[in-house]
Amino acid sequence: MKAVKYSNYGGIDVLKVFTDADRPVIHDGQVLVEVEAASINPIDFKVRQGYMKDFVPLKFPATIGGDFAGVVKEIRAGRFGI
């Protein structure tokens, strides 16, 4: 699995590409998606630089981005009625 992660707040120099990232563990009410396409939005760089840490605290290492499209590979039933 590939992922772009960072271990502290900062500019683009904190980003590292991992080609052997661990498969995410999903919990009740979550889905696992095989990502086919992804994008980065202005909010992503604000979070990465630490401007939003009072509102969006991160647990490092953090994976950048939240916009994606892909295929659902696994579903865990749970509190959302999935």
N, C-alpha and C. Protein backbone atom coordinates (compact mmCIF):
# COMPACT_ATOMS: atom_id res chain seq x y z
N MET A 1 0.83 -1.16 0.00
CA MET A 1 0.00 0.00 0.00
C MET A 1 0.89 1.24 0.00
N LYS A 2 0.45 2.29 -0.68
CA LYS A 2 1.17 3.55 -0.72
C LYS A 2 0.45 4.57 0.16
N ALA A 3 1.22 5.48 0.75
CA ALA A 3 0.64 6.55 1.55
C ALA A 3 1.64 7.70 1.64
N VAL A 4 1.12 8.92 1.73
CA VAL A 4 1.95 10.08 2.01
C VAL A 4 1.64 10.48 3.44
N LYS A 5 2.69 10.49 4.28
CA LYS A 5 2.52 10.76 5.70
C LYS A 5 3.49 11.83 6.16
N TYR A 6 3.20 12.37 7.35
CA TYR A 6 4.13 13.31 7.97
C TYR A 6 4.11 13.09 9.48
N SER A 7 5.26 13.35 10.12
CA SER A 7 5.42 13.07 11.55
C SER A 7 5.46 14.31 12.42
N ASN A 8 5.39 15.48 11.82
CA ASN A 8 5.31 16.73 12.56
C ASN A 8 4.75 17.80 11.64
N TYR A 9 4.31 18.90 12.23
CA TYR A 9 3.78 20.01 11.44
C TYR A 9 4.90 20.67 10.65
N GLY A 10 4.55 21.20 9.47
CA GLY A 10 5.54 21.91 8.68
C GLY A 10 5.12 22.04 7.23
N GLY A 11 6.10 22.42 6.41
CA GLY A 11 5.88 22.61 4.98
C GLY A 11 5.95 21.29 4.23
N ILE A 12 6.10 21.39 2.92
CA ILE A 12 6.11 20.18 2.10
C ILE A 12 7.30 19.28 2.40
N ASP A 13 8.32 19.84 3.04
CA ASP A 13 9.50 19.05 3.37
C ASP A 13 9.24 17.98 4.42
N VAL A 14 8.11 18.05 5.15
CA VAL A 14 7.81 17.03 6.16
C VAL A 14 7.10 15.82 5.55
N LEU A 15 6.67 15.93 4.28
CA LEU A 15 5.95 14.83 3.63
C LEU A 15 6.91 13.73 3.20
N LYS A 16 6.49 12.50 3.45
CA LYS A 16 7.29 11.34 3.04
C LYS A 16 6.36 10.33 2.37
N VAL A 17 6.81 9.78 1.24
CA VAL A 17 6.03 8.77 0.51
C VAL A 17 6.47 7.39 1.00
N PHE A 18 5.48 6.61 1.41
CA PHE A 18 5.72 5.24 1.84
C PHE A 18 5.09 4.30 0.83
N THR A 19 5.88 3.41 0.26
CA THR A 19 5.33 2.44 -0.69
C THR A 19 4.98 1.12 -0.02
N ASP A 20 5.33 1.01 1.27
CA ASP A 20 5.05 -0.23 2.01
C ASP A 20 4.25 0.05 3.28
N ALA A 21 3.33 1.02 3.21
CA ALA A 21 2.53 1.39 4.38
C ALA A 21 1.62 0.22 4.78
N ASP A 22 1.35 0.13 6.07
CA ASP A 22 0.47 -0.92 6.58
C ASP A 22 -0.96 -0.71 6.11
N ARG A 23 -1.66 -1.81 5.94
CA ARG A 23 -3.08 -1.77 5.59
C ARG A 23 -3.85 -1.22 6.80
N PRO A 24 -4.71 -0.23 6.59
CA PRO A 24 -5.47 0.32 7.73
C PRO A 24 -6.36 -0.73 8.37
N VAL A 25 -6.49 -0.64 9.68
CA VAL A 25 -7.41 -1.49 10.43
C VAL A 25 -8.71 -0.71 10.58
N ILE A 26 -9.81 -1.31 10.15
CA ILE A 26 -11.08 -0.61 10.27
C ILE A 26 -11.83 -1.11 11.51
N HIS A 27 -12.70 -0.25 12.02
CA HIS A 27 -13.47 -0.54 13.22
C HIS A 27 -14.95 -0.52 12.89
N ASP A 28 -15.79 -0.83 13.86
CA ASP A 28 -17.23 -0.85 13.65
C ASP A 28 -17.73 0.45 13.03
N GLY A 29 -18.56 0.31 12.00
CA GLY A 29 -19.14 1.46 11.32
C GLY A 29 -18.24 2.10 10.29
N GLN A 30 -17.13 1.44 9.95
CA GLN A 30 -16.20 1.99 8.98
C GLN A 30 -16.12 1.10 7.74
N VAL A 31 -15.60 1.69 6.66
CA VAL A 31 -15.36 0.94 5.43
C VAL A 31 -13.89 1.10 5.04
N LEU A 32 -13.37 0.10 4.33
CA LEU A 32 -12.02 0.17 3.78
C LEU A 32 -12.16 0.35 2.27
N VAL A 33 -11.51 1.37 1.73
CA VAL A 33 -11.62 1.69 0.32
C VAL A 33 -10.26 1.55 -0.35
N GLU A 34 -10.23 0.85 -1.48
CA GLU A 34 -9.03 0.82 -2.32
C GLU A 34 -9.07 2.07 -3.18
N VAL A 35 -8.18 2.99 -2.92
CA VAL A 35 -8.21 4.31 -3.56
C VAL A 35 -7.70 4.22 -5.00
N GLU A 36 -8.48 4.76 -5.91
CA GLU A 36 -8.11 4.83 -7.33
C GLU A 36 -7.62 6.23 -7.71
N ALA A 37 -8.13 7.25 -7.03
CA ALA A 37 -7.73 8.64 -7.30
C ALA A 37 -7.84 9.44 -6.00
N ALA A 38 -6.95 10.40 -5.81
CA ALA A 38 -6.95 11.22 -4.60
C ALA A 38 -6.58 12.65 -4.95
N SER A 39 -6.94 13.57 -4.08
CA SER A 39 -6.58 14.97 -4.28
C SER A 39 -6.29 15.61 -2.93
N ILE A 40 -5.63 16.74 -2.98
CA ILE A 40 -5.31 17.53 -1.79
C ILE A 40 -6.03 18.87 -1.93
N ASN A 41 -6.65 19.31 -0.85
CA ASN A 41 -7.38 20.57 -0.82
C ASN A 41 -6.64 21.59 0.04
N PRO A 42 -7.01 22.87 -0.07
CA PRO A 42 -6.37 23.90 0.76
C PRO A 42 -6.40 23.59 2.26
N ILE A 43 -7.46 22.97 2.74
CA ILE A 43 -7.52 22.65 4.17
C ILE A 43 -6.43 21.66 4.55
N ASP A 44 -6.04 20.79 3.64
CA ASP A 44 -5.01 19.80 3.94
C ASP A 44 -3.66 20.46 4.25
N PHE A 45 -3.27 21.48 3.50
CA PHE A 45 -1.98 22.11 3.80
C PHE A 45 -2.08 22.95 5.07
N LYS A 46 -3.26 23.50 5.37
CA LYS A 46 -3.42 24.26 6.62
C LYS A 46 -3.30 23.34 7.83
N VAL A 47 -3.88 22.14 7.72
CA VAL A 47 -3.76 21.15 8.79
C VAL A 47 -2.30 20.73 8.93
N ARG A 48 -1.65 20.41 7.80
CA ARG A 48 -0.26 19.97 7.81
C ARG A 48 0.68 21.01 8.43
N GLN A 49 0.42 22.28 8.18
CA GLN A 49 1.28 23.34 8.70
C GLN A 49 0.97 23.68 10.16
N GLY A 50 -0.11 23.12 10.71
CA GLY A 50 -0.43 23.34 12.12
C GLY A 50 -1.39 24.48 12.39
N TYR A 51 -1.89 25.14 11.35
CA TYR A 51 -2.81 26.25 11.55
C TYR A 51 -4.14 25.82 12.18
N MET A 52 -4.48 24.57 12.03
CA MET A 52 -5.78 24.07 12.50
C MET A 52 -5.66 23.15 13.71
N LYS A 53 -4.48 23.10 14.36
CA LYS A 53 -4.26 22.09 15.39
C LYS A 53 -5.19 22.23 16.59
N ASP A 54 -5.74 23.42 16.85
CA ASP A 54 -6.71 23.56 17.94
C ASP A 54 -8.06 22.95 17.57
N PHE A 55 -8.34 22.85 16.28
CA PHE A 55 -9.61 22.34 15.80
C PHE A 55 -9.50 20.93 15.24
N VAL A 56 -8.35 20.61 14.65
CA VAL A 56 -8.10 19.31 14.03
C VAL A 56 -6.77 18.77 14.59
N PRO A 57 -6.80 18.28 15.84
CA PRO A 57 -5.55 17.74 16.39
C PRO A 57 -5.17 16.45 15.68
N LEU A 58 -3.88 16.26 15.44
CA LEU A 58 -3.41 15.07 14.73
C LEU A 58 -2.67 14.14 15.67
N LYS A 59 -2.74 12.85 15.35
CA LYS A 59 -1.91 11.85 16.00
C LYS A 59 -0.88 11.45 14.96
N PHE A 60 0.39 11.72 15.23
CA PHE A 60 1.44 11.45 14.26
C PHE A 60 1.92 10.02 14.33
N PRO A 61 2.33 9.43 13.21
CA PRO A 61 2.34 10.03 11.88
C PRO A 61 0.93 10.14 11.32
N ALA A 62 0.69 11.21 10.59
CA ALA A 62 -0.62 11.47 9.99
C ALA A 62 -0.54 11.25 8.49
N THR A 63 -1.64 10.79 7.92
CA THR A 63 -1.74 10.62 6.47
C THR A 63 -2.48 11.82 5.90
N ILE A 64 -1.90 12.42 4.89
CA ILE A 64 -2.46 13.64 4.33
C ILE A 64 -3.65 13.34 3.42
N GLY A 65 -4.62 14.25 3.42
CA GLY A 65 -5.73 14.19 2.47
C GLY A 65 -6.92 13.39 2.94
N GLY A 66 -8.07 13.73 2.40
CA GLY A 66 -9.30 13.04 2.73
C GLY A 66 -10.24 12.90 1.54
N ASP A 67 -9.85 13.48 0.41
CA ASP A 67 -10.67 13.39 -0.80
C ASP A 67 -10.14 12.25 -1.66
N PHE A 68 -11.02 11.32 -1.98
CA PHE A 68 -10.59 10.18 -2.78
C PHE A 68 -11.79 9.52 -3.44
N ALA A 69 -11.51 8.68 -4.40
CA ALA A 69 -12.52 7.85 -5.05
C ALA A 69 -11.92 6.46 -5.19
N GLY A 70 -12.75 5.45 -5.05
CA GLY A 70 -12.22 4.09 -5.16
C GLY A 70 -13.30 3.04 -4.99
N VAL A 71 -12.85 1.84 -4.65
CA VAL A 71 -13.72 0.68 -4.54
C VAL A 71 -13.75 0.22 -3.09
N VAL A 72 -14.95 0.03 -2.54
CA VAL A 72 -15.10 -0.48 -1.18
C VAL A 72 -14.65 -1.93 -1.14
N LYS A 73 -13.68 -2.23 -0.25
CA LYS A 73 -13.12 -3.58 -0.14
C LYS A 73 -13.61 -4.32 1.09
N GLU A 74 -13.97 -3.58 2.14
CA GLU A 74 -14.41 -4.22 3.38
C GLU A 74 -15.35 -3.29 4.12
N ILE A 75 -16.36 -3.89 4.75
CA ILE A 75 -17.34 -3.13 5.53
C ILE A 75 -17.44 -3.75 6.92
N ARG A 76 -17.39 -2.91 7.96
CA ARG A 76 -17.59 -3.38 9.32
C ARG A 76 -18.91 -2.79 9.82
N ALA A 77 -19.86 -3.66 10.07
CA ALA A 77 -21.16 -3.21 10.59
C ALA A 77 -20.94 -2.52 11.92
N GLY A 78 -21.83 -1.59 12.23
CA GLY A 78 -21.66 -0.90 13.50
C GLY A 78 -22.71 0.14 13.75
N ARG A 79 -22.31 1.13 14.51
CA ARG A 79 -23.24 2.10 15.05
C ARG A 79 -23.96 2.95 14.01
N PHE A 80 -23.51 2.96 12.77
CA PHE A 80 -24.15 3.76 11.74
C PHE A 80 -25.14 2.95 10.91
N GLY A 81 -25.38 1.72 11.31
CA GLY A 81 -26.37 0.91 10.61
C GLY A 81 -25.90 0.35 9.28
N ILE A 82 -24.60 0.30 9.09
CA ILE A 82 -24.08 -0.25 7.84
C ILE A 82 -24.30 -1.75 7.82
